[in-house]
Amino acid sequence: MELEPKVAKLIVKSLKDIINHEINLFDTSGTIIASTDTVRIGTSHEGARLAAKNQQTLTIEHDNQFKGAKKGINIPVLFNQSVVAIIGITGERTKVEPLGNIIKKMTEILIRENWIQLTNFHQRQNYHNLATMLIAPQRDDSLAAYLASLLDIDLERPRILVIGKFLFTREKNNLNYEKLLHTIQSHLHIFPGSFFSLINQEICLFFEKQEEASLIPLLMQMQKDISKRFDRQMSFGIGGLAETIDEY
């Protein structure tokens, strides 16, 4: 796993708001990818590289003890038991060492939160791509099978398709699609075999056959929540049972 510069910059900013020291975030090669001292971004740091290689905190006693280094500490940051970055705190050893463990833990938490957000985004995109592909006039069966395997979805199961459309009013208020996605997902979490796509003003939902009895109350509650949160009315059309992927 490699940190994107944008994420690294946000992590450094979050940590800087907590401690009054210069902070650097290095990749595992020892290159500074984010820093409160922007002049140092892109420069190499031999101490950070050694900390990554040995997976141990390295104390820098004085400036230039290692090439490109300033006094302080360099701490390996772990994700899934592997070093993914080095966090460096510049300053006198007696002042920065007590901060080392808490800064390390905070950095690891921020990296994990970012990974979770990124994973959820990719998963949502995969659901969207699969749903869109399944109802397309032409589809790539091998790609559909690949996406289904990633999402642990059995395409051989009979499914019911539901289409939801917004009823337009005179005032077309802008939709917060992120909020709409969460609203839909909050209703579907009890149906592990269900998935959906959201394109513009239309929702396409896939439900497994055994979930049919719950569809009407589910969709009615979804209508109420959408109306309450977005001040928009949505109608749903429930299709017949599609026994195979070719009937979707």
Protein backbone atom coordinates (compact mmCIF):
# COMPACT_ATOMS: atom_id res chain seq x y z
CA MET A 1 0.00 0.00 0.00
CA GLU A 2 1.34 3.44 -0.95
CA LEU A 3 0.06 6.72 0.44
CA GLU A 4 -1.19 9.26 -2.04
CA PRO A 5 0.39 12.73 -1.56
CA LYS A 6 -3.05 14.24 -0.99
CA VAL A 7 -3.76 11.82 1.86
CA ALA A 8 -0.27 12.28 3.29
CA LYS A 9 -0.78 16.06 3.31
CA LEU A 10 -4.07 15.71 5.21
CA ILE A 11 -2.43 13.43 7.79
CA VAL A 12 0.42 15.89 8.37
CA LYS A 13 -2.04 18.77 8.72
CA SER A 14 -4.11 16.82 11.26
CA LEU A 15 -1.03 16.01 13.34
CA LYS A 16 0.32 19.56 13.14
CA ASP A 17 -2.89 20.83 14.73
CA ILE A 18 -2.10 18.67 17.77
CA ILE A 19 1.62 19.13 18.42
CA ASN A 20 3.83 22.19 18.06
CA HIS A 21 6.63 20.54 16.08
CA GLU A 22 7.58 20.19 12.46
CA ILE A 23 6.26 16.92 11.03
CA ASN A 24 7.40 14.97 7.98
CA LEU A 25 5.78 11.97 6.36
CA PHE A 26 8.12 9.75 4.31
CA ASP A 27 7.46 6.89 1.93
CA THR A 28 9.38 3.66 2.56
CA SER A 29 12.27 4.80 0.35
CA GLY A 30 12.89 7.74 2.70
CA THR A 31 11.48 10.45 0.42
CA ILE A 32 9.42 13.17 2.09
CA ILE A 33 5.92 13.13 0.56
CA ALA A 34 4.30 15.61 2.96
CA SER A 35 5.70 18.06 5.48
CA THR A 36 4.86 21.12 7.51
CA ASP A 37 8.11 22.46 6.04
CA THR A 38 7.05 22.41 2.38
CA VAL A 39 10.59 23.14 1.17
CA ARG A 40 11.62 19.62 2.23
CA ILE A 41 8.94 17.80 0.20
CA GLY A 42 10.57 15.58 -2.39
CA THR A 43 13.94 15.41 -0.63
CA SER A 44 15.49 12.16 0.58
CA HIS A 45 16.18 11.22 4.17
CA GLU A 46 18.59 8.35 4.88
CA GLY A 47 17.43 8.03 8.49
CA ALA A 48 13.82 7.48 7.45
CA ARG A 49 14.91 4.86 4.92
CA LEU A 50 16.79 2.97 7.65
CA ALA A 51 13.80 3.20 10.01
CA ALA A 52 11.63 1.64 7.30
CA LYS A 53 14.17 -1.06 6.50
CA ASN A 54 14.74 -2.05 10.15
CA GLN A 55 11.13 -1.42 11.21
CA GLN A 56 12.37 0.40 14.29
CA THR A 57 12.19 3.96 15.55
CA LEU A 58 15.37 5.88 14.80
CA THR A 59 16.55 8.84 16.88
CA ILE A 60 18.48 11.60 15.10
CA GLU A 61 20.77 13.23 17.66
CA HIS A 62 21.87 16.16 15.48
CA ASP A 63 21.30 17.71 12.06
CA ASN A 64 22.96 15.86 9.18
CA GLN A 65 23.69 12.78 11.30
CA PHE A 66 22.25 11.11 8.23
CA LYS A 67 22.03 12.59 4.75
CA GLY A 68 19.14 15.04 4.59
CA ALA A 69 18.24 14.56 8.25
CA LYS A 70 17.37 16.99 11.02
CA LYS A 71 17.43 16.09 14.69
CA GLY A 72 14.31 14.38 15.95
CA ILE A 73 12.79 10.90 15.65
CA ASN A 74 11.63 8.77 12.73
CA ILE A 75 8.93 6.23 13.50
CA PRO A 76 7.76 3.37 11.23
CA VAL A 77 4.01 3.41 10.57
CA LEU A 78 2.40 0.00 10.16
CA PHE A 79 -0.64 -1.13 8.21
CA ASN A 80 -1.56 -4.83 8.11
CA GLN A 81 1.75 -5.56 9.85
CA SER A 82 3.81 -3.94 7.11
CA VAL A 83 5.64 -0.60 7.10
CA VAL A 84 3.78 1.77 4.77
CA ALA A 85 5.33 5.08 5.80
CA ILE A 86 7.64 6.82 8.27
CA ILE A 87 6.49 9.70 10.43
CA GLY A 88 9.20 12.13 11.51
CA ILE A 89 9.03 14.70 14.31
CA THR A 90 11.69 17.40 14.26
CA GLY A 91 13.04 18.70 17.56
CA GLU A 92 15.09 18.00 20.67
CA ARG A 93 15.08 14.33 21.60
CA THR A 94 13.80 14.92 25.13
CA LYS A 95 10.81 16.84 23.77
CA VAL A 96 9.82 14.71 20.78
CA GLU A 97 10.41 11.17 22.07
CA PRO A 98 7.44 11.27 24.50
CA LEU A 99 5.22 12.14 21.53
CA GLY A 100 6.42 9.27 19.37
CA ASN A 101 3.98 6.52 20.33
CA ILE A 102 0.85 8.67 20.25
CA ILE A 103 1.81 10.20 16.88
CA LYS A 104 2.50 6.72 15.49
CA LYS A 105 -0.90 5.44 16.66
CA MET A 106 -2.73 8.49 15.35
CA THR A 107 -1.04 8.18 11.96
CA GLU A 108 -1.96 4.50 11.73
CA ILE A 109 -5.57 5.31 12.60
CA LEU A 110 -5.75 8.02 9.94
CA ILE A 111 -4.24 5.68 7.33
CA ARG A 112 -6.68 2.92 8.24
CA GLU A 113 -9.66 5.29 8.05
CA ASN A 114 -8.52 6.43 4.61
CA TRP A 115 -8.12 2.81 3.48
CA ILE A 116 -11.63 1.97 4.69
CA GLN A 117 -13.08 4.95 2.82
CA LEU A 118 -11.17 4.02 -0.32
CA THR A 119 -12.23 0.36 -0.05
CA ASN A 120 -15.86 1.33 0.40
CA PHE A 121 -15.64 3.65 -2.60
CA HIS A 122 -14.17 0.93 -4.83
CA GLN A 123 -16.74 -1.58 -3.63
CA ARG A 124 -19.55 0.85 -4.35
CA GLN A 125 -18.13 1.45 -7.81
CA ASN A 126 -17.97 -2.29 -8.44
CA TYR A 127 -21.62 -2.71 -7.41
CA HIS A 128 -22.57 0.17 -9.66
CA ASN A 129 -20.59 -1.19 -12.61
CA LEU A 130 -22.04 -4.69 -12.20
CA ALA A 131 -25.63 -3.48 -11.94
CA THR A 132 -25.22 -1.18 -14.93
CA MET A 133 -23.65 -3.94 -16.99
CA LEU A 134 -26.35 -6.49 -16.20
CA ILE A 135 -29.15 -4.32 -17.59
CA ALA A 136 -27.21 -3.08 -20.61
CA PRO A 137 -28.37 -4.21 -24.10
CA GLN A 138 -24.95 -5.77 -24.56
CA ARG A 139 -22.63 -6.91 -21.80
CA ASP A 140 -19.23 -8.44 -21.31
CA ASP A 141 -20.00 -11.73 -19.56
CA SER A 142 -16.41 -12.29 -18.46
CA LEU A 143 -16.21 -8.83 -16.87
CA ALA A 144 -19.62 -9.30 -15.22
CA ALA A 145 -18.44 -12.62 -13.78
CA TYR A 146 -15.23 -11.00 -12.54
CA LEU A 147 -17.08 -8.17 -10.78
CA ALA A 148 -19.56 -10.63 -9.28
CA SER A 149 -16.69 -12.73 -7.91
CA LEU A 150 -15.11 -9.64 -6.31
CA LEU A 151 -18.41 -8.86 -4.60
CA ASP A 152 -19.23 -12.50 -3.76
CA ILE A 153 -22.47 -12.35 -5.78
CA ASP A 154 -23.96 -15.47 -7.35
CA LEU A 155 -25.38 -14.46 -10.73
CA GLU A 156 -27.12 -17.81 -11.12
CA ARG A 157 -29.73 -16.94 -8.50
CA PRO A 158 -33.20 -15.70 -9.58
CA ARG A 159 -33.65 -12.00 -8.91
CA ILE A 160 -36.30 -9.32 -8.95
CA LEU A 161 -35.40 -5.95 -10.41
CA VAL A 162 -36.87 -2.73 -9.06
CA ILE A 163 -36.57 0.64 -10.77
CA GLY A 164 -36.92 3.85 -8.78
CA LYS A 165 -37.43 7.24 -10.42
CA PHE A 166 -37.84 10.70 -9.00
CA LEU A 167 -41.05 12.53 -9.79
CA PHE A 168 -39.98 15.95 -10.95
CA THR A 169 -41.52 19.04 -9.42
CA ARG A 170 -41.46 22.61 -10.65
CA GLU A 171 -38.33 23.21 -8.60
CA LYS A 172 -35.61 20.68 -9.37
CA ASN A 173 -33.56 20.95 -6.22
CA ASN A 174 -30.03 19.61 -6.52
CA LEU A 175 -29.49 16.18 -5.04
CA ASN A 176 -26.72 15.26 -2.65
CA TYR A 177 -25.81 11.95 -4.29
CA GLU A 178 -23.49 10.90 -1.48
CA LYS A 179 -26.30 11.34 1.00
CA LEU A 180 -28.72 9.54 -1.32
CA LEU A 181 -26.35 6.59 -1.65
CA HIS A 182 -26.11 6.29 2.14
CA THR A 183 -29.89 6.50 2.43
CA ILE A 184 -30.38 3.61 0.00
CA GLN A 185 -27.61 1.54 1.55
CA SER A 186 -29.06 2.02 5.02
CA HIS A 187 -32.18 0.16 3.85
CA LEU A 188 -30.43 -2.58 1.91
CA HIS A 189 -27.93 -3.68 4.56
CA ILE A 190 -30.39 -6.31 5.81
CA PHE A 191 -30.41 -7.89 2.34
CA PRO A 192 -26.84 -9.17 1.77
CA GLY A 193 -27.72 -10.47 -1.71
CA SER A 194 -29.05 -7.14 -2.95
CA PHE A 195 -27.18 -4.46 -4.88
CA PHE A 196 -28.00 -1.39 -6.95
CA SER A 197 -26.85 1.28 -9.36
CA LEU A 198 -27.65 4.97 -9.21
CA ILE A 199 -27.58 6.93 -12.45
CA ASN A 200 -28.83 10.49 -12.50
CA GLN A 201 -32.45 10.34 -11.39
CA GLU A 202 -32.86 6.56 -11.56
CA ILE A 203 -32.11 3.70 -9.18
CA CYS A 204 -31.90 0.09 -10.33
CA LEU A 205 -32.11 -2.40 -7.47
CA PHE A 206 -31.50 -6.16 -7.61
CA PHE A 207 -33.15 -8.37 -5.00
CA GLU A 208 -32.88 -12.11 -4.52
CA LYS A 209 -36.07 -14.15 -4.85
CA GLN A 210 -36.40 -14.90 -1.13
CA GLU A 211 -36.49 -11.17 -0.36
CA GLU A 212 -39.69 -10.65 -2.37
CA ALA A 213 -42.05 -10.66 0.62
CA SER A 214 -40.20 -7.74 2.17
CA LEU A 215 -40.07 -5.57 -0.94
CA ILE A 216 -43.29 -3.54 -0.53
CA PRO A 217 -42.67 -2.43 3.09
CA LEU A 218 -39.00 -1.81 2.30
CA LEU A 219 -39.74 0.39 -0.71
CA MET A 220 -42.48 2.28 1.14
CA GLN A 221 -40.09 3.08 3.97
CA MET A 222 -37.43 4.10 1.47
CA GLN A 223 -39.96 6.44 -0.18
CA LYS A 224 -40.71 8.06 3.18
CA ASP A 225 -37.03 8.56 4.04
CA ILE A 226 -36.20 9.99 0.60
CA SER A 227 -39.15 12.35 0.79
CA LYS A 228 -38.14 13.50 4.28
CA ARG A 229 -34.43 13.94 3.56
CA PHE A 230 -34.57 15.35 0.03
CA ASP A 231 -38.07 16.82 -0.26
CA ARG A 232 -38.52 14.77 -3.42
CA GLN A 233 -40.96 12.01 -4.29
CA MET A 234 -39.79 8.74 -5.79
CA SER A 235 -41.88 6.03 -7.42
CA PHE A 236 -40.83 2.39 -7.73
CA GLY A 237 -41.68 -0.19 -10.37
CA ILE A 238 -41.26 -3.85 -9.43
CA GLY A 239 -40.41 -6.22 -12.25
CA GLY A 240 -41.19 -9.89 -12.56
CA LEU A 241 -38.83 -12.64 -11.44
CA ALA A 242 -35.76 -13.01 -13.67
CA GLU A 243 -34.65 -16.63 -13.44
CA THR A 244 -31.31 -16.16 -15.24
CA ILE A 245 -28.77 -13.44 -15.91
CA ASP A 246 -30.02 -13.21 -19.50
CA GLU A 247 -33.48 -12.16 -18.23
CA TYR A 248 -32.24 -9.29 -16.12
